[in-house]
Amino acid sequence: MWFAVFLAVQATAIRFWEEPHLARRFGGEYLDYRRHVSRWIPRLSAWTPTE
């Protein structure tokens, strides 16, 4: 049960604190990255930003 609580706290912290912080810090670059990379499921191929 404690593991489920830990995961819920981490998911909430990432969604409501870390992601807005990264968006403020890196701006459009982070928003572009977030649009192309899933939050929880890893990609099978590397993502490369377009210029």
N, C-alpha and C. Protein backbone atom coordinates (compact mmCIF):
# COMPACT_ATOMS: atom_id res chain seq x y z
N MET A 1 0.82 -1.19 0.00
CA MET A 1 0.00 0.00 0.00
C MET A 1 0.86 1.26 0.00
N TRP A 2 1.96 1.26 0.73
CA TRP A 2 2.81 2.45 0.78
C TRP A 2 3.40 2.77 -0.58
N PHE A 3 3.66 1.71 -1.37
CA PHE A 3 4.19 1.94 -2.71
C PHE A 3 3.18 2.67 -3.58
N ALA A 4 1.90 2.33 -3.45
CA ALA A 4 0.85 3.01 -4.22
C ALA A 4 0.75 4.47 -3.80
N VAL A 5 0.87 4.74 -2.52
CA VAL A 5 0.85 6.12 -2.03
C VAL A 5 2.06 6.88 -2.57
N PHE A 6 3.22 6.26 -2.54
CA PHE A 6 4.44 6.87 -3.06
C PHE A 6 4.27 7.22 -4.54
N LEU A 7 3.75 6.28 -5.34
CA LEU A 7 3.54 6.54 -6.76
C LEU A 7 2.55 7.67 -7.00
N ALA A 8 1.50 7.72 -6.22
CA ALA A 8 0.50 8.79 -6.36
C ALA A 8 1.11 10.15 -6.04
N VAL A 9 1.92 10.21 -4.99
CA VAL A 9 2.57 11.47 -4.62
C VAL A 9 3.55 11.90 -5.71
N GLN A 10 4.33 10.96 -6.22
CA GLN A 10 5.29 11.28 -7.28
C GLN A 10 4.59 11.76 -8.55
N ALA A 11 3.53 11.08 -8.94
CA ALA A 11 2.80 11.47 -10.15
C ALA A 11 2.22 12.86 -10.00
N THR A 12 1.70 13.16 -8.81
CA THR A 12 1.14 14.49 -8.56
C THR A 12 2.22 15.55 -8.58
N ALA A 13 3.35 15.28 -7.95
CA ALA A 13 4.45 16.25 -7.92
C ALA A 13 4.98 16.51 -9.31
N ILE A 14 5.13 15.48 -10.10
CA ILE A 14 5.65 15.65 -11.47
C ILE A 14 4.67 16.48 -12.29
N ARG A 15 3.41 16.15 -12.21
CA ARG A 15 2.39 16.81 -13.04
C ARG A 15 2.19 18.27 -12.65
N PHE A 16 2.10 18.56 -11.35
CA PHE A 16 1.70 19.89 -10.92
C PHE A 16 2.84 20.78 -10.45
N TRP A 17 4.05 20.24 -10.25
CA TRP A 17 5.17 21.09 -9.86
C TRP A 17 6.30 21.04 -10.88
N GLU A 18 6.79 19.85 -11.20
CA GLU A 18 7.98 19.75 -12.04
C GLU A 18 7.72 20.19 -13.48
N GLU A 19 6.63 19.76 -14.08
CA GLU A 19 6.37 20.13 -15.48
C GLU A 19 6.17 21.63 -15.66
N PRO A 20 5.37 22.31 -14.83
CA PRO A 20 5.28 23.77 -14.98
C PRO A 20 6.62 24.47 -14.74
N HIS A 21 7.41 23.96 -13.80
CA HIS A 21 8.73 24.53 -13.54
C HIS A 21 9.62 24.42 -14.78
N LEU A 22 9.63 23.25 -15.42
CA LEU A 22 10.44 23.06 -16.63
C LEU A 22 9.93 23.93 -17.77
N ALA A 23 8.61 24.09 -17.88
CA ALA A 23 8.05 24.95 -18.93
C ALA A 23 8.48 26.40 -18.73
N ARG A 24 8.49 26.87 -17.49
CA ARG A 24 8.95 28.25 -17.22
C ARG A 24 10.44 28.39 -17.49
N ARG A 25 11.21 27.38 -17.13
CA ARG A 25 12.66 27.46 -17.26
C ARG A 25 13.13 27.36 -18.72
N PHE A 26 12.54 26.43 -19.49
CA PHE A 26 13.02 26.18 -20.85
C PHE A 26 12.08 26.67 -21.94
N GLY A 27 10.89 27.11 -21.58
CA GLY A 27 9.97 27.70 -22.55
C GLY A 27 9.54 26.76 -23.66
N GLY A 28 9.60 27.29 -24.89
CA GLY A 28 9.12 26.56 -26.07
C GLY A 28 9.85 25.26 -26.32
N GLU A 29 11.14 25.21 -25.99
CA GLU A 29 11.90 23.97 -26.19
C GLU A 29 11.28 22.82 -25.39
N TYR A 30 10.96 23.10 -24.12
CA TYR A 30 10.37 22.05 -23.29
C TYR A 30 8.97 21.69 -23.77
N LEU A 31 8.19 22.68 -24.17
CA LEU A 31 6.85 22.40 -24.65
C LEU A 31 6.88 21.53 -25.90
N ASP A 32 7.83 21.79 -26.80
CA ASP A 32 8.00 20.96 -27.99
C ASP A 32 8.40 19.54 -27.60
N TYR A 33 9.33 19.43 -26.67
CA TYR A 33 9.77 18.11 -26.17
C TYR A 33 8.59 17.35 -25.56
N ARG A 34 7.82 18.04 -24.72
CA ARG A 34 6.69 17.40 -24.04
C ARG A 34 5.62 16.94 -25.03
N ARG A 35 5.47 17.68 -26.11
CA ARG A 35 4.50 17.29 -27.13
C ARG A 35 4.88 15.99 -27.83
N HIS A 36 6.18 15.70 -27.91
CA HIS A 36 6.65 14.54 -28.67
C HIS A 36 7.08 13.35 -27.80
N VAL A 37 7.22 13.55 -26.51
CA VAL A 37 7.70 12.48 -25.63
C VAL A 37 6.65 12.22 -24.54
N SER A 38 6.26 10.96 -24.41
CA SER A 38 5.26 10.58 -23.42
C SER A 38 5.78 10.76 -22.00
N ARG A 39 4.89 11.04 -21.09
CA ARG A 39 5.28 11.25 -19.69
C ARG A 39 5.70 9.95 -19.02
N TRP A 40 4.99 8.86 -19.27
CA TRP A 40 5.23 7.62 -18.53
C TRP A 40 5.71 6.46 -19.38
N ILE A 41 5.36 6.42 -20.64
CA ILE A 41 5.72 5.28 -21.50
C ILE A 41 6.90 5.68 -22.38
N PRO A 42 8.03 4.99 -22.26
CA PRO A 42 9.21 5.37 -23.04
C PRO A 42 9.02 5.13 -24.54
N ARG A 43 9.71 5.94 -25.33
CA ARG A 43 9.69 5.77 -26.79
C ARG A 43 10.61 4.62 -27.18
N LEU A 44 10.30 3.98 -28.30
CA LEU A 44 11.15 2.91 -28.81
C LEU A 44 12.30 3.47 -29.65
N SER A 45 12.14 4.70 -30.14
CA SER A 45 13.20 5.35 -30.90
C SER A 45 13.51 6.70 -30.27
N ALA A 46 14.69 7.18 -30.51
CA ALA A 46 15.10 8.46 -29.92
C ALA A 46 14.34 9.61 -30.57
N TRP A 47 14.02 10.63 -29.78
CA TRP A 47 13.39 11.83 -30.31
C TRP A 47 14.47 12.85 -30.60
N THR A 48 14.44 13.41 -31.78
CA THR A 48 15.39 14.47 -32.12
C THR A 48 14.60 15.71 -32.49
N PRO A 49 14.92 16.83 -31.88
CA PRO A 49 14.19 18.07 -32.17
C PRO A 49 14.46 18.54 -33.60
N THR A 50 13.45 19.13 -34.21
CA THR A 50 13.63 19.71 -35.54
C THR A 50 13.98 21.18 -35.38
N GLU A 51 14.77 21.67 -36.26
CA GLU A 51 15.21 23.07 -36.17
C GLU A 51 14.52 23.92 -37.18
